Amino acid sequence: MRTIRCHVDQPLAPGGLATLSETATGHLVRVLRLGVGDTVVLFNGDGHDFVARLVSVGKRGAQAEVIDARPVANESPLRITLAQGIARGDKMDLILQKGTELGVAAFVPVSTERTEVKLDAERAAKRLAHWQGILAAACEQSGRARLPGLGEPVSLANYAVAESAPVKLALDPDADLGLHDLALPAAAEVALLVGPEGGLSERDLAAARATGFRGLRLGPRILRTETAGLAAIAALQALYGDLA
């Protein structure tokens, strides 16, 4: 039987009451046909699933009584930060959704020389709120009880200087380094830089190399931005993370 999971942005503890948003209530009641007395699993990103029972349902929201707390241990031992060149349209949604499913620990939207999406303060705030919803929904589906981190949009130069991961990689189809050459230690921390449409420019790569990034080649074909990072993450997880 499918477990129905719902993200809530509030503290949770057995014996307490959780208030569900109008949006979450609508999904549970109108789509999933749940009602008072039915059981759901709530999570707030602290690493636990909270079994809860619906005790009231209204048009503007619902309340659930928390019955039990269960630790969830499905985070990858490989801590990957994906620094993604901001892509157009719904490509960023896809990257965030699938990256969360693949176990990415944190995302940083990066503006590069070839980034076409321009975000002022207002647009950036709206986009971040939308992206947070994508991450929460992906955690609901995939069973993760910790939400990946999401940084504010930043220039590649500022990101590269601030990134402190021990292993820093930038996807580059002309690089000599391959996945099998990495020999990562257990529980490694990896920063993975991926360009937007058009890839990373020579100036981008030079700025990244100057702060310790190494170029990483995936294979003989050129991948789209919405494919490249996800393919690299899946391969890293298979070699050094979840499946290693």
C-alpha atoms as a PDB file:
ATOM      1  CA  MET A   1       0.000   0.000   0.000  1.00  0.00           C
ATOM      2  CA  ARG A   2       1.318   3.433  -0.942  1.00  0.00           C
ATOM      3  CA  THR A   3       2.437   5.677   1.920  1.00  0.00           C
ATOM      4  CA  ILE A   4       0.881   9.136   1.719  1.00  0.00           C
ATOM      5  CA  ARG A   5       3.510  11.698   2.764  1.00  0.00           C
ATOM      6  CA  CYS A   6       3.002  15.417   3.240  1.00  0.00           C
ATOM      7  CA  HIS A   7       5.551  18.137   3.983  1.00  0.00           C
ATOM      8  CA  VAL A   8       4.666  20.676   6.678  1.00  0.00           C
ATOM      9  CA  ASP A   9       6.756  23.662   7.674  1.00  0.00           C
ATOM     10  CA  GLN A  10       6.323  23.478  11.450  1.00  0.00           C
ATOM     11  CA  PRO A  11       7.677  21.604  14.490  1.00  0.00           C
ATOM     12  CA  LEU A  12       6.248  18.106  14.923  1.00  0.00           C
ATOM     13  CA  ALA A  13       6.143  15.801  17.945  1.00  0.00           C
ATOM     14  CA  PRO A  14       4.008  12.831  19.066  1.00  0.00           C
ATOM     15  CA  GLY A  15       0.881  14.037  20.837  1.00  0.00           C
ATOM     16  CA  GLY A  16       0.877  17.394  19.095  1.00  0.00           C
ATOM     17  CA  LEU A  17      -1.413  18.811  16.419  1.00  0.00           C
ATOM     18  CA  ALA A  18      -0.181  19.719  12.958  1.00  0.00           C
ATOM     19  CA  THR A  19      -1.965  22.251  10.765  1.00  0.00           C
ATOM     20  CA  LEU A  20      -2.034  21.409   7.082  1.00  0.00           C
ATOM     21  CA  SER A  21      -2.137  24.121   4.450  1.00  0.00           C
ATOM     22  CA  GLU A  22      -5.116  24.668   2.178  1.00  0.00           C
ATOM     23  CA  THR A  23      -3.110  23.304  -0.752  1.00  0.00           C
ATOM     24  CA  ALA A  24      -2.055  20.142   1.093  1.00  0.00           C
ATOM     25  CA  THR A  25      -5.578  19.623   2.413  1.00  0.00           C
ATOM     26  CA  GLY A  26      -7.027  19.938  -1.069  1.00  0.00           C
ATOM     27  CA  HIS A  27      -4.668  17.281  -2.379  1.00  0.00           C
ATOM     28  CA  LEU A  28      -5.377  14.888   0.492  1.00  0.00           C
ATOM     29  CA  VAL A  29      -9.147  15.363   0.453  1.00  0.00           C
ATOM     30  CA  ARG A  30     -10.111  16.061  -3.152  1.00  0.00           C
ATOM     31  CA  VAL A  31      -7.443  14.033  -4.957  1.00  0.00           C
ATOM     32  CA  LEU A  32      -6.702  11.199  -2.528  1.00  0.00           C
ATOM     33  CA  ARG A  33     -10.210  11.125  -0.984  1.00  0.00           C
ATOM     34  CA  LEU A  34      -8.990  11.090   2.616  1.00  0.00           C
ATOM     35  CA  GLY A  35     -11.134  12.160   5.548  1.00  0.00           C
ATOM     36  CA  VAL A  36     -11.228  12.376   9.324  1.00  0.00           C
ATOM     37  CA  GLY A  37      -9.667   9.264  10.859  1.00  0.00           C
ATOM     38  CA  ASP A  38      -7.395   8.487   7.923  1.00  0.00           C
ATOM     39  CA  THR A  39      -3.659   8.214   8.459  1.00  0.00           C
ATOM     40  CA  VAL A  40      -0.954  10.252   6.724  1.00  0.00           C
ATOM     41  CA  VAL A  41       2.798  10.607   7.168  1.00  0.00           C
ATOM     42  CA  LEU A  42       4.078  14.123   7.816  1.00  0.00           C
ATOM     43  CA  PHE A  43       7.668  15.368   7.679  1.00  0.00           C
ATOM     44  CA  ASN A  44       9.261  18.752   8.270  1.00  0.00           C
ATOM     45  CA  GLY A  45      12.828  18.101   7.150  1.00  0.00           C
ATOM     46  CA  ASP A  46      14.303  17.122  10.519  1.00  0.00           C
ATOM     47  CA  GLY A  47      15.012  13.541   9.430  1.00  0.00           C
ATOM     48  CA  HIS A  48      11.861  11.897  10.812  1.00  0.00           C
ATOM     49  CA  ASP A  49       8.559  10.691   9.439  1.00  0.00           C
ATOM     50  CA  PHE A  50       5.632  11.467  11.726  1.00  0.00           C
ATOM     51  CA  VAL A  51       2.610   9.168  11.559  1.00  0.00           C
ATOM     52  CA  ALA A  52      -0.506  11.300  12.014  1.00  0.00           C
ATOM     53  CA  ARG A  53      -4.288  10.920  11.941  1.00  0.00           C
ATOM     54  CA  LEU A  54      -6.597  13.521  10.424  1.00  0.00           C
ATOM     55  CA  VAL A  55      -8.853  14.924  13.156  1.00  0.00           C
ATOM     56  CA  SER A  56     -10.510  17.800  11.278  1.00  0.00           C
ATOM     57  CA  VAL A  57     -10.927  18.783   7.650  1.00  0.00           C
ATOM     58  CA  GLY A  58     -12.172  22.134   6.373  1.00  0.00           C
ATOM     59  CA  LYS A  59     -12.118  24.243   3.235  1.00  0.00           C
ATOM     60  CA  ARG A  60      -9.141  26.281   4.409  1.00  0.00           C
ATOM     61  CA  GLY A  61      -7.069  23.479   5.892  1.00  0.00           C
ATOM     62  CA  ALA A  62      -6.966  20.436   8.104  1.00  0.00           C
ATOM     63  CA  GLN A  63      -5.478  19.306  11.394  1.00  0.00           C
ATOM     64  CA  ALA A  64      -3.756  16.030  12.145  1.00  0.00           C
ATOM     65  CA  GLU A  65      -2.774  14.508  15.472  1.00  0.00           C
ATOM     66  CA  VAL A  66       0.795  13.220  15.497  1.00  0.00           C
ATOM     67  CA  ILE A  67       0.890   9.620  16.755  1.00  0.00           C
ATOM     68  CA  ASP A  68       4.475   8.475  16.298  1.00  0.00           C
ATOM     69  CA  ALA A  69       7.918   9.637  15.117  1.00  0.00           C
ATOM     70  CA  ARG A  70      10.184   7.386  13.065  1.00  0.00           C
ATOM     71  CA  PRO A  71      13.763   8.228  12.044  1.00  0.00           C
ATOM     72  CA  VAL A  72      14.452   7.968   8.319  1.00  0.00           C
ATOM     73  CA  ALA A  73      17.947   6.887   7.259  1.00  0.00           C
ATOM     74  CA  ASN A  74      17.974   7.090   3.470  1.00  0.00           C
ATOM     75  CA  GLU A  75      20.334  10.010   2.853  1.00  0.00           C
ATOM     76  CA  SER A  76      23.312   9.261   0.625  1.00  0.00           C
ATOM     77  CA  PRO A  77      26.746   8.936   2.275  1.00  0.00           C
ATOM     78  CA  LEU A  78      28.028  10.956  -0.693  1.00  0.00           C
ATOM     79  CA  ARG A  79      27.199  14.606  -0.024  1.00  0.00           C
ATOM     80  CA  ILE A  80      26.751  16.252  -3.420  1.00  0.00           C
ATOM     81  CA  THR A  81      26.178  19.968  -3.931  1.00  0.00           C
ATOM     82  CA  LEU A  82      24.909  20.655  -7.442  1.00  0.00           C
ATOM     83  CA  ALA A  83      25.868  24.133  -8.653  1.00  0.00           C
ATOM     84  CA  GLN A  84      23.571  24.398 -11.649  1.00  0.00           C
ATOM     85  CA  GLY A  85      23.836  27.075 -14.297  1.00  0.00           C
ATOM     86  CA  ILE A  86      20.339  28.569 -14.269  1.00  0.00           C
ATOM     87  CA  ALA A  87      18.405  27.054 -17.164  1.00  0.00           C
ATOM     88  CA  ARG A  88      15.376  28.327 -19.038  1.00  0.00           C
ATOM     89  CA  GLY A  89      11.738  27.344 -18.541  1.00  0.00           C
ATOM     90  CA  ASP A  90      10.896  24.211 -16.636  1.00  0.00           C
ATOM     91  CA  LYS A  91      14.356  22.683 -17.029  1.00  0.00           C
ATOM     92  CA  MET A  92      15.362  23.920 -13.574  1.00  0.00           C
ATOM     93  CA  ASP A  93      12.242  22.298 -12.097  1.00  0.00           C
ATOM     94  CA  LEU A  94      13.232  18.981 -13.678  1.00  0.00           C
ATOM     95  CA  ILE A  95      16.836  19.251 -12.466  1.00  0.00           C
ATOM     96  CA  LEU A  96      15.756  20.060  -8.894  1.00  0.00           C
ATOM     97  CA  GLN A  97      13.109  17.337  -8.830  1.00  0.00           C
ATOM     98  CA  LYS A  98      15.280  14.547 -10.204  1.00  0.00           C
ATOM     99  CA  GLY A  99      18.365  15.707  -8.340  1.00  0.00           C
ATOM    100  CA  THR A 100      16.414  15.448  -5.093  1.00  0.00           C
ATOM    101  CA  GLU A 101      15.284  11.936  -6.003  1.00  0.00           C
ATOM    102  CA  LEU A 102      18.920  11.022  -6.713  1.00  0.00           C
ATOM    103  CA  GLY A 103      20.024  12.209  -3.277  1.00  0.00           C
ATOM    104  CA  VAL A 104      21.599  15.618  -3.897  1.00  0.00           C
ATOM    105  CA  ALA A 105      22.311  17.295  -0.544  1.00  0.00           C
ATOM    106  CA  ALA A 106      22.178  20.910  -1.733  1.00  0.00           C
ATOM    107  CA  PHE A 107      21.550  23.010  -4.833  1.00  0.00           C
ATOM    108  CA  VAL A 108      23.059  26.358  -5.796  1.00  0.00           C
ATOM    109  CA  PRO A 109      21.596  28.235  -8.808  1.00  0.00           C
ATOM    110  CA  VAL A 110      24.577  29.810 -10.574  1.00  0.00           C
ATOM    111  CA  SER A 111      24.714  32.616 -13.122  1.00  0.00           C
ATOM    112  CA  THR A 112      27.391  31.999 -15.750  1.00  0.00           C
ATOM    113  CA  GLU A 113      28.611  33.796 -18.870  1.00  0.00           C
ATOM    114  CA  ARG A 114      26.070  31.921 -21.014  1.00  0.00           C
ATOM    115  CA  THR A 115      23.127  32.081 -18.602  1.00  0.00           C
ATOM    116  CA  GLU A 116      20.152  33.616 -20.392  1.00  0.00           C
ATOM    117  CA  VAL A 117      17.804  33.809 -17.393  1.00  0.00           C
ATOM    118  CA  LYS A 118      18.118  37.172 -15.624  1.00  0.00           C
ATOM    119  CA  LEU A 119      16.682  37.386 -12.103  1.00  0.00           C
ATOM    120  CA  ASP A 120      16.188  40.659 -10.252  1.00  0.00           C
ATOM    121  CA  ALA A 121      15.498  40.554  -6.503  1.00  0.00           C
ATOM    122  CA  GLU A 122      11.734  40.159  -6.874  1.00  0.00           C
ATOM    123  CA  ARG A 123      11.938  37.464  -9.533  1.00  0.00           C
ATOM    124  CA  ALA A 124      14.639  35.627  -7.604  1.00  0.00           C
ATOM    125  CA  ALA A 125      12.482  35.535  -4.457  1.00  0.00           C
ATOM    126  CA  LYS A 126       9.500  34.166  -6.389  1.00  0.00           C
ATOM    127  CA  ARG A 127      11.645  31.606  -8.180  1.00  0.00           C
ATOM    128  CA  LEU A 128      13.229  30.435  -4.916  1.00  0.00           C
ATOM    129  CA  ALA A 129       9.805  29.954  -3.321  1.00  0.00           C
ATOM    130  CA  HIS A 130       8.716  27.937  -6.351  1.00  0.00           C
ATOM    131  CA  TRP A 131      11.888  25.847  -6.272  1.00  0.00           C
ATOM    132  CA  GLN A 132      11.430  25.142  -2.558  1.00  0.00           C
ATOM    133  CA  GLY A 133       8.024  23.691  -3.412  1.00  0.00           C
ATOM    134  CA  ILE A 134       9.633  21.476  -6.057  1.00  0.00           C
ATOM    135  CA  LEU A 135      12.122  20.141  -3.501  1.00  0.00           C
ATOM    136  CA  ALA A 136       9.403  19.447  -0.908  1.00  0.00           C
ATOM    137  CA  ALA A 137       7.236  17.609  -3.438  1.00  0.00           C
ATOM    138  CA  ALA A 138      10.210  15.535  -4.609  1.00  0.00           C
ATOM    139  CA  CYS A 139      10.970  14.577  -0.994  1.00  0.00           C
ATOM    140  CA  GLU A 140       7.322  13.594  -0.488  1.00  0.00           C
ATOM    141  CA  GLN A 141       7.502  11.272  -3.482  1.00  0.00           C
ATOM    142  CA  SER A 142      10.971   9.828  -2.911  1.00  0.00           C
ATOM    143  CA  GLY A 143      10.714   9.182   0.824  1.00  0.00           C
ATOM    144  CA  ARG A 144      13.404  11.641   1.905  1.00  0.00           C
ATOM    145  CA  ALA A 145      12.827  13.237   5.304  1.00  0.00           C
ATOM    146  CA  ARG A 146      15.500  15.914   4.919  1.00  0.00           C
ATOM    147  CA  LEU A 147      15.032  18.687   2.397  1.00  0.00           C
ATOM    148  CA  PRO A 148      18.080  19.514   0.281  1.00  0.00           C
ATOM    149  CA  GLY A 149      19.591  22.911   0.871  1.00  0.00           C
ATOM    150  CA  LEU A 150      18.822  25.622  -1.687  1.00  0.00           C
ATOM    151  CA  GLY A 151      21.111  28.612  -2.014  1.00  0.00           C
ATOM    152  CA  GLU A 152      20.178  31.976  -3.476  1.00  0.00           C
ATOM    153  CA  PRO A 153      21.176  32.639  -7.091  1.00  0.00           C
ATOM    154  CA  VAL A 154      24.824  33.672  -7.233  1.00  0.00           C
ATOM    155  CA  SER A 155      27.432  34.476  -9.862  1.00  0.00           C
ATOM    156  CA  LEU A 156      29.808  31.679 -10.763  1.00  0.00           C
ATOM    157  CA  ALA A 157      32.793  33.750  -9.621  1.00  0.00           C
ATOM    158  CA  ASN A 158      31.322  34.330  -6.153  1.00  0.00           C
ATOM    159  CA  TYR A 159      30.160  30.733  -5.838  1.00  0.00           C
ATOM    160  CA  ALA A 160      33.531  29.283  -6.862  1.00  0.00           C
ATOM    161  CA  VAL A 161      35.394  31.358  -4.278  1.00  0.00           C
ATOM    162  CA  ALA A 162      32.959  30.448  -1.481  1.00  0.00           C
ATOM    163  CA  GLU A 163      32.674  26.701  -2.210  1.00  0.00           C
ATOM    164  CA  SER A 164      34.671  24.729   0.366  1.00  0.00           C
ATOM    165  CA  ALA A 165      33.958  21.106  -0.603  1.00  0.00           C
ATOM    166  CA  PRO A 166      37.112  18.933  -0.621  1.00  0.00           C
ATOM    167  CA  VAL A 167      36.248  17.626  -4.092  1.00  0.00           C
ATOM    168  CA  LYS A 168      35.245  20.227  -6.696  1.00  0.00           C
ATOM    169  CA  LEU A 169      34.316  19.169 -10.217  1.00  0.00           C
ATOM    170  CA  ALA A 170      33.137  21.095 -13.277  1.00  0.00           C
ATOM    171  CA  LEU A 171      31.581  19.212 -16.171  1.00  0.00           C
ATOM    172  CA  ASP A 172      33.717  19.742 -19.248  1.00  0.00           C
ATOM    173  CA  PRO A 173      33.463  17.500 -22.350  1.00  0.00           C
ATOM    174  CA  ASP A 174      37.117  18.253 -23.162  1.00  0.00           C
ATOM    175  CA  ALA A 175      38.506  17.279 -19.755  1.00  0.00           C
ATOM    176  CA  ASP A 176      40.903  14.372 -19.290  1.00  0.00           C
ATOM    177  CA  LEU A 177      39.509  13.299 -15.897  1.00  0.00           C
ATOM    178  CA  GLY A 178      36.841  10.577 -15.928  1.00  0.00           C
ATOM    179  CA  LEU A 179      34.545   9.250 -13.222  1.00  0.00           C
ATOM    180  CA  HIS A 180      36.685   6.169 -12.564  1.00  0.00           C
ATOM    181  CA  ASP A 181      39.755   8.370 -12.083  1.00  0.00           C
ATOM    182  CA  LEU A 182      38.287  10.085  -9.007  1.00  0.00           C
ATOM    183  CA  ALA A 183      38.708   7.297  -6.409  1.00  0.00           C
ATOM    184  CA  LEU A 184      36.582   9.184  -3.892  1.00  0.00           C
ATOM    185  CA  PRO A 185      36.811   8.269  -0.195  1.00  0.00           C
ATOM    186  CA  ALA A 186      33.779   7.079   1.776  1.00  0.00           C
ATOM    187  CA  ALA A 187      31.294   9.805   2.708  1.00  0.00           C
ATOM    188  CA  ALA A 188      32.995  12.317   0.427  1.00  0.00           C
ATOM    189  CA  GLU A 189      31.731  15.867  -0.086  1.00  0.00           C
ATOM    190  CA  VAL A 190      31.534  16.826  -3.743  1.00  0.00           C
ATOM    191  CA  ALA A 191      30.673  20.100  -5.452  1.00  0.00           C
ATOM    192  CA  LEU A 192      29.521  19.557  -9.031  1.00  0.00           C
ATOM    193  CA  LEU A 193      29.357  22.572 -11.356  1.00  0.00           C
ATOM    194  CA  VAL A 194      27.172  22.286 -14.458  1.00  0.00           C
ATOM    195  CA  GLY A 195      26.723  24.942 -17.099  1.00  0.00           C
ATOM    196  CA  PRO A 196      23.402  26.192 -18.511  1.00  0.00           C
ATOM    197  CA  GLU A 197      22.342  25.825 -22.135  1.00  0.00           C
ATOM    198  CA  GLY A 198      25.547  26.269 -24.105  1.00  0.00           C
ATOM    199  CA  GLY A 199      27.688  24.864 -21.293  1.00  0.00           C
ATOM    200  CA  LEU A 200      30.476  26.540 -19.351  1.00  0.00           C
ATOM    201  CA  SER A 201      32.531  29.068 -21.300  1.00  0.00           C
ATOM    202  CA  GLU A 202      36.324  29.136 -21.259  1.00  0.00           C
ATOM    203  CA  ARG A 203      36.172  32.080 -18.845  1.00  0.00           C
ATOM    204  CA  ASP A 204      33.785  30.132 -16.600  1.00  0.00           C
ATOM    205  CA  LEU A 205      36.101  27.137 -16.571  1.00  0.00           C
ATOM    206  CA  ALA A 206      39.137  29.315 -15.926  1.00  0.00           C
ATOM    207  CA  ALA A 207      37.405  30.967 -12.945  1.00  0.00           C
ATOM    208  CA  ALA A 208      36.419  27.545 -11.598  1.00  0.00           C
ATOM    209  CA  ARG A 209      39.926  26.100 -12.046  1.00  0.00           C
ATOM    210  CA  ALA A 210      41.431  29.072 -10.243  1.00  0.00           C
ATOM    211  CA  THR A 211      39.493  28.080  -7.118  1.00  0.00           C
ATOM    212  CA  GLY A 212      40.336  24.366  -7.235  1.00  0.00           C
ATOM    213  CA  PHE A 213      37.708  22.886  -9.561  1.00  0.00           C
ATOM    214  CA  ARG A 214      38.810  20.076 -11.846  1.00  0.00           C
ATOM    215  CA  GLY A 215      37.222  19.390 -15.205  1.00  0.00           C
ATOM    216  CA  LEU A 216      35.223  16.150 -15.432  1.00  0.00           C
ATOM    217  CA  ARG A 217      34.345  14.335 -18.648  1.00  0.00           C
ATOM    218  CA  LEU A 218      31.268  12.089 -18.717  1.00  0.00           C
ATOM    219  CA  GLY A 219      31.709  10.415 -22.092  1.00  0.00           C
ATOM    220  CA  PRO A 220      31.992  10.910 -25.844  1.00  0.00           C
ATOM    221  CA  ARG A 221      28.659  12.709 -26.358  1.00  0.00           C
ATOM    222  CA  ILE A 222      27.509  16.220 -25.499  1.00  0.00           C
ATOM    223  CA  LEU A 223      24.624  16.210 -23.014  1.00  0.00           C
ATOM    224  CA  ARG A 224      22.002  18.894 -22.492  1.00  0.00           C
ATOM    225  CA  THR A 225      22.100  20.862 -19.260  1.00  0.00           C
ATOM    226  CA  GLU A 226      19.044  19.055 -17.893  1.00  0.00           C
ATOM    227  CA  THR A 227      20.728  15.706 -18.638  1.00  0.00           C
ATOM    228  CA  ALA A 228      24.379  16.308 -17.812  1.00  0.00           C
ATOM    229  CA  GLY A 229      24.188  16.975 -14.085  1.00  0.00           C
ATOM    230  CA  LEU A 230      21.660  14.229 -13.444  1.00  0.00           C
ATOM    231  CA  ALA A 231      23.733  11.695 -15.385  1.00  0.00           C
ATOM    232  CA  ALA A 232      26.848  12.665 -13.430  1.00  0.00           C
ATOM    233  CA  ILE A 233      24.996  12.431 -10.104  1.00  0.00           C
ATOM    234  CA  ALA A 234      23.585   9.002 -10.923  1.00  0.00           C
ATOM    235  CA  ALA A 235      27.043   7.768 -11.905  1.00  0.00           C
ATOM    236  CA  LEU A 236      28.664   9.233  -8.782  1.00  0.00           C
ATOM    237  CA  GLN A 237      26.025   7.601  -6.595  1.00  0.00           C
ATOM    238  CA  ALA A 238      26.564   4.246  -8.286  1.00  0.00           C
ATOM    239  CA  LEU A 239      30.351   4.407  -7.963  1.00  0.00           C
ATOM    240  CA  TYR A 240      30.837   6.163  -4.631  1.00  0.00           C
ATOM    241  CA  GLY A 241      27.478   6.760  -2.941  1.00  0.00           C
ATOM    242  CA  ASP A 242      24.184   4.921  -2.466  1.00  0.00           C
ATOM    243  CA  LEU A 243      25.102   1.848  -4.497  1.00  0.00           C
ATOM    244  CA  ALA A 244      28.840   1.690  -3.825  1.00  0.00           C
END
